[in-house]
Amino acid sequence: MTDPAALPAPPRPSMPRGRAWRIAGVAALALLLVLAGAWQWAAHRLQQEIVAALGPRSQVDTVRLAWDGVEILGLRVAAERGWPAPDELRAPRVLVVPDLWGALRGRLGVHRVRVEQGYISLLRTRDGRLQVLPSLLGGRREQPAGPHGAVPALHIGEVQLRGTEVAFHDASVSQPPLRL
């Protein structure tokens, strides 16, 4: 008789290939669902921030979530008194795409802002500074403080102006500002 210790160990049953593919598929699907959830959370949060940031001189027909971001339809930002044009910004469609990787880290960021078929007015002041959308970017309004007392910075990766008219007004050469 042979010694049972001398016999080779029976082969371990391996996982059937079909089962391995199913596990990999379920894991990939779970990852996609997590990414899609993070995307929708970031877009929804961004939508809320956009509505709050537009301010009292803004008019918007519709703000809605789209698959590729937050879509703003019929946007008009009226200029404040003393601005050389009646509007700072007009656009039938603006798409704001959130930063997915920032959202996964819990930070609100914007990957891209695309203004389509719009109008934007810029002003170079007497001292040579360039003002762009002072009602949105000027920081005059009271804003809630972040966790450390400061307003959190919002990083915008890219701004695209597609078919958009840019009106440049120069107050450094004449008063009233010269439209170039």
N, C-alpha and C. Protein backbone atom coordinates (compact mmCIF):
# COMPACT_ATOMS: atom_id res chain seq x y z
N MET A 1 0.80 -1.16 0.00
CA MET A 1 0.00 0.00 0.00
C MET A 1 0.86 1.25 0.00
N THR A 2 0.26 2.26 -0.55
CA THR A 2 1.01 3.52 -0.61
C THR A 2 0.68 4.38 0.59
N ASP A 3 1.66 5.14 0.93
CA ASP A 3 1.50 6.03 2.06
C ASP A 3 0.63 7.23 1.62
N PRO A 4 -0.47 7.54 2.35
CA PRO A 4 -1.34 8.66 1.95
C PRO A 4 -0.60 9.98 1.98
N ALA A 5 0.43 10.14 2.78
CA ALA A 5 1.17 11.40 2.82
C ALA A 5 2.00 11.56 1.57
N ALA A 6 2.33 10.49 0.88
CA ALA A 6 3.16 10.57 -0.30
C ALA A 6 2.34 10.90 -1.54
N LEU A 7 1.03 10.80 -1.47
CA LEU A 7 0.18 11.10 -2.63
C LEU A 7 0.10 12.61 -2.83
N PRO A 8 0.06 13.03 -4.08
CA PRO A 8 -0.07 14.48 -4.31
C PRO A 8 -1.44 14.95 -3.82
N ALA A 9 -1.46 16.19 -3.37
CA ALA A 9 -2.71 16.77 -2.88
C ALA A 9 -3.68 16.89 -4.05
N PRO A 10 -4.93 16.66 -3.79
CA PRO A 10 -5.90 16.82 -4.87
C PRO A 10 -5.94 18.27 -5.32
N PRO A 11 -6.17 18.53 -6.59
CA PRO A 11 -6.20 19.91 -7.06
C PRO A 11 -7.36 20.68 -6.40
N ARG A 12 -7.04 21.94 -6.09
CA ARG A 12 -8.08 22.80 -5.50
C ARG A 12 -9.08 23.15 -6.58
N PRO A 13 -10.31 23.12 -6.25
CA PRO A 13 -11.28 23.49 -7.28
C PRO A 13 -11.11 24.97 -7.60
N SER A 14 -10.94 25.29 -8.86
CA SER A 14 -10.79 26.68 -9.26
C SER A 14 -12.17 27.27 -9.53
N MET A 15 -12.22 28.60 -9.49
CA MET A 15 -13.47 29.29 -9.74
C MET A 15 -13.80 29.16 -11.22
N PRO A 16 -15.00 28.77 -11.54
CA PRO A 16 -15.36 28.68 -12.95
C PRO A 16 -15.23 30.06 -13.61
N ARG A 17 -14.81 30.05 -14.86
CA ARG A 17 -14.59 31.32 -15.57
C ARG A 17 -15.85 32.16 -15.65
N GLY A 18 -16.97 31.54 -15.85
CA GLY A 18 -18.22 32.28 -15.93
C GLY A 18 -18.52 33.04 -14.65
N ARG A 19 -18.22 32.42 -13.52
CA ARG A 19 -18.46 33.06 -12.23
C ARG A 19 -17.50 34.24 -12.04
N ALA A 20 -16.25 34.10 -12.45
CA ALA A 20 -15.28 35.19 -12.33
C ALA A 20 -15.71 36.39 -13.17
N TRP A 21 -16.22 36.13 -14.37
CA TRP A 21 -16.70 37.22 -15.23
C TRP A 21 -17.90 37.92 -14.61
N ARG A 22 -18.78 37.13 -13.98
CA ARG A 22 -19.95 37.74 -13.33
C ARG A 22 -19.52 38.63 -12.17
N ILE A 23 -18.57 38.18 -11.37
CA ILE A 23 -18.10 38.99 -10.25
C ILE A 23 -17.44 40.27 -10.75
N ALA A 24 -16.62 40.15 -11.79
CA ALA A 24 -15.98 41.34 -12.37
C ALA A 24 -17.04 42.29 -12.94
N GLY A 25 -18.05 41.75 -13.58
CA GLY A 25 -19.12 42.59 -14.14
C GLY A 25 -19.89 43.31 -13.06
N VAL A 26 -20.20 42.62 -11.97
CA VAL A 26 -20.92 43.25 -10.86
C VAL A 26 -20.06 44.34 -10.23
N ALA A 27 -18.76 44.09 -10.08
CA ALA A 27 -17.86 45.10 -9.52
C ALA A 27 -17.77 46.32 -10.43
N ALA A 28 -17.68 46.11 -11.73
CA ALA A 28 -17.63 47.23 -12.68
C ALA A 28 -18.93 48.01 -12.65
N LEU A 29 -20.05 47.32 -12.59
CA LEU A 29 -21.34 47.99 -12.52
C LEU A 29 -21.47 48.80 -11.24
N ALA A 30 -21.00 48.25 -10.13
CA ALA A 30 -21.04 48.98 -8.86
C ALA A 30 -20.18 50.25 -8.93
N LEU A 31 -19.01 50.14 -9.56
CA LEU A 31 -18.15 51.32 -9.72
C LEU A 31 -18.83 52.38 -10.59
N LEU A 32 -19.44 51.96 -11.67
CA LEU A 32 -20.16 52.90 -12.53
C LEU A 32 -21.31 53.57 -11.80
N LEU A 33 -22.02 52.82 -10.97
CA LEU A 33 -23.12 53.40 -10.20
C LEU A 33 -22.61 54.43 -9.19
N VAL A 34 -21.47 54.14 -8.56
CA VAL A 34 -20.88 55.09 -7.62
C VAL A 34 -20.46 56.36 -8.35
N LEU A 35 -19.82 56.21 -9.51
CA LEU A 35 -19.41 57.39 -10.29
C LEU A 35 -20.62 58.19 -10.78
N ALA A 36 -21.66 57.50 -11.24
CA ALA A 36 -22.87 58.19 -11.69
C ALA A 36 -23.53 58.92 -10.53
N GLY A 37 -23.56 58.30 -9.38
CA GLY A 37 -24.12 58.95 -8.19
C GLY A 37 -23.33 60.17 -7.79
N ALA A 38 -22.02 60.08 -7.83
CA ALA A 38 -21.17 61.23 -7.50
C ALA A 38 -21.39 62.35 -8.51
N TRP A 39 -21.54 62.00 -9.77
CA TRP A 39 -21.78 62.99 -10.83
C TRP A 39 -23.10 63.72 -10.58
N GLN A 40 -24.16 62.97 -10.31
CA GLN A 40 -25.46 63.58 -10.07
C GLN A 40 -25.45 64.43 -8.80
N TRP A 41 -24.77 63.96 -7.76
CA TRP A 41 -24.67 64.73 -6.53
C TRP A 41 -23.95 66.05 -6.80
N ALA A 42 -22.84 65.98 -7.53
CA ALA A 42 -22.07 67.20 -7.84
C ALA A 42 -22.88 68.15 -8.71
N ALA A 43 -23.58 67.62 -9.70
CA ALA A 43 -24.39 68.47 -10.58
C ALA A 43 -25.54 69.11 -9.80
N HIS A 44 -26.19 68.36 -8.91
CA HIS A 44 -27.29 68.91 -8.13
C HIS A 44 -26.79 70.00 -7.18
N ARG A 45 -25.66 69.74 -6.54
CA ARG A 45 -25.09 70.74 -5.65
C ARG A 45 -24.66 71.99 -6.43
N LEU A 46 -24.09 71.76 -7.60
CA LEU A 46 -23.68 72.88 -8.45
C LEU A 46 -24.89 73.68 -8.90
N GLN A 47 -25.99 73.01 -9.22
CA GLN A 47 -27.23 73.69 -9.61
C GLN A 47 -27.70 74.61 -8.49
N GLN A 48 -27.67 74.15 -7.27
CA GLN A 48 -28.08 74.97 -6.14
C GLN A 48 -27.16 76.18 -5.98
N GLU A 49 -25.86 75.96 -6.13
CA GLU A 49 -24.90 77.05 -6.00
C GLU A 49 -25.07 78.09 -7.12
N ILE A 50 -25.36 77.63 -8.33
CA ILE A 50 -25.55 78.55 -9.45
C ILE A 50 -26.75 79.45 -9.21
N VAL A 51 -27.86 78.86 -8.81
CA VAL A 51 -29.07 79.64 -8.56
C VAL A 51 -28.80 80.67 -7.46
N ALA A 52 -28.07 80.29 -6.42
CA ALA A 52 -27.76 81.22 -5.34
C ALA A 52 -26.78 82.30 -5.79
N ALA A 53 -25.85 81.97 -6.68
CA ALA A 53 -24.80 82.91 -7.09
C ALA A 53 -25.27 83.92 -8.14
N LEU A 54 -26.30 83.60 -8.88
CA LEU A 54 -26.71 84.50 -9.96
C LEU A 54 -27.17 85.86 -9.44
N GLY A 55 -27.76 85.92 -8.32
CA GLY A 55 -28.09 87.20 -7.69
C GLY A 55 -29.36 87.84 -8.22
N PRO A 56 -29.69 89.00 -7.65
CA PRO A 56 -30.98 89.64 -7.93
C PRO A 56 -31.11 90.27 -9.31
N ARG A 57 -30.00 90.60 -9.96
CA ARG A 57 -30.10 91.22 -11.30
C ARG A 57 -30.13 90.19 -12.42
N SER A 58 -30.19 88.93 -12.07
CA SER A 58 -30.18 87.87 -13.08
C SER A 58 -31.60 87.39 -13.36
N GLN A 59 -31.81 87.04 -14.61
CA GLN A 59 -33.07 86.44 -15.03
C GLN A 59 -32.72 85.12 -15.71
N VAL A 60 -33.45 84.08 -15.36
CA VAL A 60 -33.22 82.75 -15.91
C VAL A 60 -34.56 82.14 -16.25
N ASP A 61 -34.66 81.60 -17.47
CA ASP A 61 -35.88 80.89 -17.84
C ASP A 61 -35.93 79.53 -17.14
N THR A 62 -34.84 78.76 -17.27
CA THR A 62 -34.82 77.40 -16.72
C THR A 62 -33.41 77.03 -16.28
N VAL A 63 -33.32 76.35 -15.14
CA VAL A 63 -32.08 75.72 -14.69
C VAL A 63 -32.42 74.25 -14.48
N ARG A 64 -31.74 73.38 -15.20
CA ARG A 64 -32.07 71.96 -15.07
C ARG A 64 -30.80 71.11 -15.14
N LEU A 65 -30.94 69.92 -14.57
CA LEU A 65 -29.86 68.96 -14.63
C LEU A 65 -29.89 68.25 -15.98
N ALA A 66 -28.75 68.15 -16.61
CA ALA A 66 -28.60 67.39 -17.85
C ALA A 66 -27.58 66.29 -17.57
N TRP A 67 -27.46 65.34 -18.49
CA TRP A 67 -26.49 64.26 -18.28
C TRP A 67 -25.06 64.78 -18.21
N ASP A 68 -24.79 65.87 -18.93
CA ASP A 68 -23.42 66.37 -18.96
C ASP A 68 -23.19 67.56 -18.03
N GLY A 69 -24.16 67.90 -17.19
CA GLY A 69 -23.95 68.99 -16.24
C GLY A 69 -25.23 69.72 -15.93
N VAL A 70 -25.09 71.00 -15.59
CA VAL A 70 -26.22 71.86 -15.28
C VAL A 70 -26.43 72.77 -16.47
N GLU A 71 -27.64 72.79 -16.98
CA GLU A 71 -27.98 73.58 -18.16
C GLU A 71 -28.80 74.79 -17.71
N ILE A 72 -28.35 75.97 -18.11
CA ILE A 72 -29.06 77.22 -17.80
C ILE A 72 -29.59 77.74 -19.13
N LEU A 73 -30.89 77.89 -19.22
CA LEU A 73 -31.53 78.36 -20.45
C LEU A 73 -32.10 79.76 -20.23
N GLY A 74 -31.90 80.63 -21.21
CA GLY A 74 -32.45 81.98 -21.15
C GLY A 74 -31.84 82.82 -20.05
N LEU A 75 -30.52 82.89 -19.98
CA LEU A 75 -29.83 83.65 -18.93
C LEU A 75 -29.61 85.09 -19.36
N ARG A 76 -29.91 86.01 -18.45
CA ARG A 76 -29.60 87.43 -18.64
C ARG A 76 -29.15 87.99 -17.31
N VAL A 77 -27.95 88.59 -17.30
CA VAL A 77 -27.44 89.27 -16.12
C VAL A 77 -27.41 90.76 -16.47
N ALA A 78 -28.35 91.51 -15.90
CA ALA A 78 -28.43 92.95 -16.16
C ALA A 78 -27.25 93.66 -15.50
N ALA A 79 -26.78 94.68 -16.17
CA ALA A 79 -25.63 95.44 -15.65
C ALA A 79 -26.09 96.40 -14.57
N GLU A 80 -25.19 96.67 -13.65
CA GLU A 80 -25.49 97.66 -12.62
C GLU A 80 -25.35 99.06 -13.19
N ARG A 81 -25.86 100.01 -12.48
CA ARG A 81 -25.79 101.40 -12.91
C ARG A 81 -24.33 101.82 -13.07
N GLY A 82 -24.01 102.47 -14.17
CA GLY A 82 -22.65 102.89 -14.43
C GLY A 82 -21.87 101.95 -15.33
N TRP A 83 -22.40 100.76 -15.58
CA TRP A 83 -21.75 99.82 -16.50
C TRP A 83 -22.00 100.32 -17.92
N PRO A 84 -21.04 100.22 -18.82
CA PRO A 84 -21.18 100.81 -20.16
C PRO A 84 -22.14 100.07 -21.10
N ALA A 85 -22.74 98.98 -20.69
CA ALA A 85 -23.67 98.23 -21.54
C ALA A 85 -24.89 97.87 -20.69
N PRO A 86 -26.02 97.62 -21.32
CA PRO A 86 -27.21 97.26 -20.54
C PRO A 86 -27.11 95.89 -19.85
N ASP A 87 -26.33 94.99 -20.42
CA ASP A 87 -26.19 93.65 -19.85
C ASP A 87 -24.72 93.30 -19.66
N GLU A 88 -24.45 92.54 -18.60
CA GLU A 88 -23.12 91.97 -18.43
C GLU A 88 -23.01 90.67 -19.22
N LEU A 89 -24.11 89.91 -19.24
CA LEU A 89 -24.11 88.61 -19.90
C LEU A 89 -25.52 88.27 -20.35
N ARG A 90 -25.62 87.75 -21.58
CA ARG A 90 -26.87 87.18 -22.10
C ARG A 90 -26.50 85.91 -22.84
N ALA A 91 -27.31 84.90 -22.67
CA ALA A 91 -27.05 83.66 -23.40
C ALA A 91 -28.31 82.81 -23.40
N PRO A 92 -28.65 82.27 -24.58
CA PRO A 92 -29.79 81.35 -24.61
C PRO A 92 -29.49 80.03 -23.92
N ARG A 93 -28.19 79.64 -23.87
CA ARG A 93 -27.83 78.37 -23.22
C ARG A 93 -26.43 78.48 -22.63
N VAL A 94 -26.32 78.08 -21.38
CA VAL A 94 -25.03 77.97 -20.69
C VAL A 94 -24.98 76.58 -20.07
N LEU A 95 -23.90 75.87 -20.31
CA LEU A 95 -23.71 74.55 -19.73
C LEU A 95 -22.57 74.61 -18.73
N VAL A 96 -22.84 74.18 -17.50
CA VAL A 96 -21.83 74.16 -16.45
C VAL A 96 -21.58 72.69 -16.10
N VAL A 97 -20.35 72.23 -16.35
CA VAL A 97 -19.99 70.82 -16.14
C VAL A 97 -19.21 70.71 -14.84
N PRO A 98 -19.71 69.95 -13.86
CA PRO A 98 -19.00 69.84 -12.59
C PRO A 98 -17.72 69.03 -12.72
N ASP A 99 -16.82 69.24 -11.77
CA ASP A 99 -15.56 68.50 -11.70
C ASP A 99 -15.82 67.21 -10.92
N LEU A 100 -15.85 66.08 -11.63
CA LEU A 100 -16.19 64.80 -11.01
C LEU A 100 -15.17 64.40 -9.96
N TRP A 101 -13.89 64.55 -10.24
CA TRP A 101 -12.86 64.13 -9.29
C TRP A 101 -12.89 65.00 -8.04
N GLY A 102 -13.17 66.26 -8.21
CA GLY A 102 -13.32 67.12 -7.03
C GLY A 102 -14.53 66.71 -6.21
N ALA A 103 -15.61 66.32 -6.89
CA ALA A 103 -16.81 65.87 -6.19
C ALA A 103 -16.54 64.61 -5.39
N LEU A 104 -15.73 63.72 -5.94
CA LEU A 104 -15.40 62.50 -5.21
C LEU A 104 -14.58 62.79 -3.95
N ARG A 105 -13.87 63.92 -3.95
CA ARG A 105 -13.10 64.33 -2.77
C ARG A 105 -13.91 65.26 -1.87
N GLY A 106 -15.18 65.53 -2.25
CA GLY A 106 -16.03 66.38 -1.42
C GLY A 106 -15.87 67.86 -1.68
N ARG A 107 -15.24 68.24 -2.79
CA ARG A 107 -15.04 69.66 -3.13
C ARG A 107 -15.89 70.02 -4.32
N LEU A 108 -16.50 71.19 -4.26
CA LEU A 108 -17.29 71.67 -5.39
C LEU A 108 -16.36 72.38 -6.36
N GLY A 109 -16.35 71.94 -7.60
CA GLY A 109 -15.53 72.55 -8.62
C GLY A 109 -16.24 72.49 -9.95
N VAL A 110 -15.79 73.28 -10.89
CA VAL A 110 -16.38 73.34 -12.23
C VAL A 110 -15.30 72.93 -13.23
N HIS A 111 -15.59 71.91 -13.98
CA HIS A 111 -14.66 71.46 -15.02
C HIS A 111 -14.72 72.41 -16.22
N ARG A 112 -15.95 72.78 -16.63
CA ARG A 112 -16.09 73.62 -17.83
C ARG A 112 -17.38 74.43 -17.75
N VAL A 113 -17.30 75.67 -18.25
CA VAL A 113 -18.47 76.51 -18.47
C VAL A 113 -18.50 76.83 -19.95
N ARG A 114 -19.61 76.51 -20.60
CA ARG A 114 -19.74 76.77 -22.03
C ARG A 114 -20.93 77.71 -22.26
N VAL A 115 -20.63 78.89 -22.81
CA VAL A 115 -21.65 79.89 -23.15
C VAL A 115 -21.88 79.78 -24.65
N GLU A 116 -23.13 79.56 -25.04
CA GLU A 116 -23.45 79.36 -26.45
C GLU A 116 -24.30 80.50 -26.99
N GLN A 117 -23.85 81.09 -28.11
CA GLN A 117 -24.58 82.13 -28.83
C GLN A 117 -24.93 83.31 -27.93
N GLY A 118 -24.01 83.69 -27.06
CA GLY A 118 -24.31 84.70 -26.06
C GLY A 118 -23.67 86.05 -26.34
N TYR A 119 -23.69 86.87 -25.33
CA TYR A 119 -23.12 88.21 -25.35
C TYR A 119 -22.51 88.44 -23.96
N ILE A 120 -21.29 88.95 -23.94
CA ILE A 120 -20.63 89.29 -22.67
C ILE A 120 -19.93 90.63 -22.84
N SER A 121 -20.06 91.48 -21.83
CA SER A 121 -19.39 92.79 -21.90
C SER A 121 -18.30 92.85 -20.84
N LEU A 122 -17.15 93.40 -21.25
CA LEU A 122 -15.97 93.54 -20.40
C LEU A 122 -15.63 95.02 -20.29
N LEU A 123 -15.03 95.41 -19.18
CA LEU A 123 -14.65 96.80 -18.98
C LEU A 123 -13.24 96.89 -18.45
N ARG A 124 -12.41 97.67 -19.17
CA ARG A 124 -11.09 98.01 -18.62
C ARG A 124 -11.26 99.35 -17.92
N THR A 125 -10.94 99.39 -16.64
CA THR A 125 -11.14 100.59 -15.84
C THR A 125 -10.05 101.62 -16.15
N ARG A 126 -10.20 102.80 -15.57
CA ARG A 126 -9.21 103.86 -15.79
C ARG A 126 -7.81 103.44 -15.35
N ASP A 127 -7.74 102.62 -14.30
CA ASP A 127 -6.42 102.19 -13.82
C ASP A 127 -5.92 100.92 -14.51
N GLY A 128 -6.64 100.44 -15.55
CA GLY A 128 -6.16 99.33 -16.37
C GLY A 128 -6.62 97.95 -15.92
N ARG A 129 -7.41 97.86 -14.85
CA ARG A 129 -7.92 96.55 -14.41
C ARG A 129 -9.06 96.11 -15.31
N LEU A 130 -9.15 94.83 -15.56
CA LEU A 130 -10.22 94.27 -16.38
C LEU A 130 -11.32 93.73 -15.48
N GLN A 131 -12.54 94.20 -15.71
CA GLN A 131 -13.70 93.71 -14.97
C GLN A 131 -14.53 92.83 -15.87
N VAL A 132 -14.79 91.61 -15.38
CA VAL A 132 -15.61 90.64 -16.09
C VAL A 132 -16.70 90.18 -15.12
N LEU A 133 -17.94 90.34 -15.51
CA LEU A 133 -19.09 89.91 -14.70
C LEU A 133 -18.95 90.33 -13.23
N PRO A 134 -18.90 91.64 -12.97
CA PRO A 134 -18.72 92.07 -11.57
C PRO A 134 -19.86 91.64 -10.66
N SER A 135 -21.06 91.47 -11.18
CA SER A 135 -22.16 91.04 -10.31
C SER A 135 -21.99 89.60 -9.85
N LEU A 136 -21.29 88.77 -10.65
CA LEU A 136 -21.07 87.38 -10.27
C LEU A 136 -19.71 87.16 -9.63
N LEU A 137 -18.70 87.85 -10.13
CA LEU A 137 -17.33 87.59 -9.69
C LEU A 137 -16.77 88.69 -8.78
N GLY A 138 -17.54 89.76 -8.58
CA GLY A 138 -17.04 90.89 -7.82
C GLY A 138 -16.93 90.65 -6.33
N GLY A 139 -17.70 89.70 -5.81
CA GLY A 139 -17.62 89.36 -4.39
C GLY A 139 -18.18 90.42 -3.47
N ARG A 140 -19.11 91.25 -3.95
CA ARG A 140 -19.68 92.30 -3.11
C ARG A 140 -20.74 91.78 -2.16
N ARG A 141 -21.42 90.73 -2.53
CA ARG A 141 -22.50 90.20 -1.70
C ARG A 141 -21.93 89.43 -0.52
N GLU A 142 -22.72 89.41 0.54
CA GLU A 142 -22.36 88.60 1.71
C GLU A 142 -22.45 87.13 1.33
N GLN A 143 -21.44 86.37 1.65
CA GLN A 143 -21.44 84.95 1.36
C GLN A 143 -21.20 84.19 2.65
N PRO A 144 -21.83 83.01 2.78
CA PRO A 144 -21.60 82.24 4.01
C PRO A 144 -20.15 81.79 4.11
N ALA A 145 -19.67 81.79 5.31
CA ALA A 145 -18.28 81.40 5.54
C ALA A 145 -18.12 79.89 5.47
N GLY A 146 -16.95 79.47 5.07
CA GLY A 146 -16.63 78.05 5.01
C GLY A 146 -16.27 77.55 6.40
N PRO A 147 -15.76 76.33 6.51
CA PRO A 147 -15.46 75.77 7.82
C PRO A 147 -14.37 76.52 8.58
N HIS A 148 -13.50 77.22 7.88
CA HIS A 148 -12.41 77.93 8.54
C HIS A 148 -12.63 79.44 8.52
N GLY A 149 -13.88 79.87 8.28
CA GLY A 149 -14.20 81.29 8.31
C GLY A 149 -14.06 81.99 6.97
N ALA A 150 -13.42 81.38 6.00
CA ALA A 150 -13.23 82.00 4.69
C ALA A 150 -14.19 81.39 3.69
N VAL A 151 -14.53 82.17 2.66
CA VAL A 151 -15.38 81.66 1.60
C VAL A 151 -14.55 80.69 0.76
N PRO A 152 -15.03 79.46 0.55
CA PRO A 152 -14.24 78.51 -0.22
C PRO A 152 -14.06 78.96 -1.66
N ALA A 153 -12.87 78.78 -2.19
CA ALA A 153 -12.58 79.16 -3.57
C ALA A 153 -13.22 78.15 -4.52
N LEU A 154 -13.72 78.64 -5.61
CA LEU A 154 -14.31 77.78 -6.63
C LEU A 154 -13.37 77.78 -7.82
N HIS A 155 -12.87 76.62 -8.16
CA HIS A 155 -11.96 76.49 -9.29
C HIS A 155 -12.77 76.20 -10.54
N ILE A 156 -12.56 77.00 -11.60
CA ILE A 156 -13.20 76.77 -12.90
C ILE A 156 -12.09 76.38 -13.86
N GLY A 157 -12.18 75.16 -14.39
CA GLY A 157 -11.12 74.64 -15.26
C GLY A 157 -11.05 75.30 -16.61
N GLU A 158 -12.20 75.53 -17.25
CA GLU A 158 -12.20 76.03 -18.63
C GLU A 158 -13.48 76.82 -18.87
N VAL A 159 -13.37 77.92 -19.61
CA VAL A 159 -14.53 78.70 -20.04
C VAL A 159 -14.51 78.73 -21.57
N GLN A 160 -15.60 78.29 -22.18
CA GLN A 160 -15.72 78.28 -23.64
C GLN A 160 -16.80 79.28 -24.05
N LEU A 161 -16.49 80.12 -25.02
CA LEU A 161 -17.45 81.06 -25.58
C LEU A 161 -17.70 80.64 -27.03
N ARG A 162 -18.80 79.97 -27.27
CA ARG A 162 -19.11 79.48 -28.62
C ARG A 162 -20.14 80.40 -29.27
N GLY A 163 -19.71 81.04 -30.35
CA GLY A 163 -20.61 81.94 -31.06
C GLY A 163 -21.04 83.11 -30.20
N THR A 164 -20.18 83.54 -29.29
CA THR A 164 -20.52 84.57 -28.33
C THR A 164 -19.85 85.89 -28.69
N GLU A 165 -20.64 86.95 -28.67
CA GLU A 165 -20.12 88.30 -28.92
C GLU A 165 -19.47 88.82 -27.65
N VAL A 166 -18.25 89.34 -27.78
CA VAL A 166 -17.54 89.92 -26.65
C VAL A 166 -17.43 91.43 -26.90
N ALA A 167 -18.08 92.22 -26.05
CA ALA A 167 -18.04 93.68 -26.16
C ALA A 167 -17.02 94.20 -25.16
N PHE A 168 -15.95 94.80 -25.67
CA PHE A 168 -14.88 95.30 -24.82
C PHE A 168 -15.00 96.81 -24.73
N HIS A 169 -15.13 97.32 -23.50
CA HIS A 169 -15.26 98.77 -23.25
C HIS A 169 -14.00 99.21 -22.51
N ASP A 170 -13.39 100.30 -22.98
CA ASP A 170 -12.11 100.75 -22.43
C ASP A 170 -12.27 102.14 -21.82
N ALA A 171 -12.26 102.20 -20.48
CA ALA A 171 -12.36 103.48 -19.78
C ALA A 171 -10.99 104.11 -19.56
N SER A 172 -9.92 103.42 -19.93
CA SER A 172 -8.57 103.98 -19.73
C SER A 172 -8.22 104.99 -20.81
N VAL A 173 -8.98 105.02 -21.91
CA VAL A 173 -8.67 105.96 -23.01
C VAL A 173 -9.70 107.07 -23.14
N SER A 174 -10.92 106.86 -22.66
CA SER A 174 -11.92 107.92 -22.75
C SER A 174 -13.06 107.70 -21.77
N GLN A 175 -13.77 108.82 -21.50
CA GLN A 175 -14.97 108.77 -20.69
C GLN A 175 -16.08 109.40 -21.50
N PRO A 176 -17.18 108.75 -21.75
CA PRO A 176 -17.55 107.40 -21.35
C PRO A 176 -16.64 106.38 -22.01
N PRO A 177 -16.62 105.16 -21.48
CA PRO A 177 -15.71 104.14 -22.01
C PRO A 177 -15.92 103.89 -23.50
N LEU A 178 -14.82 103.75 -24.21
CA LEU A 178 -14.84 103.50 -25.65
C LEU A 178 -15.13 102.04 -25.89
N ARG A 179 -16.10 101.77 -26.77
CA ARG A 179 -16.41 100.37 -27.12
C ARG A 179 -15.52 99.95 -28.27
N LEU A 180 -14.79 98.87 -28.07
CA LEU A 180 -13.88 98.38 -29.11
C LEU A 180 -14.47 97.18 -29.80
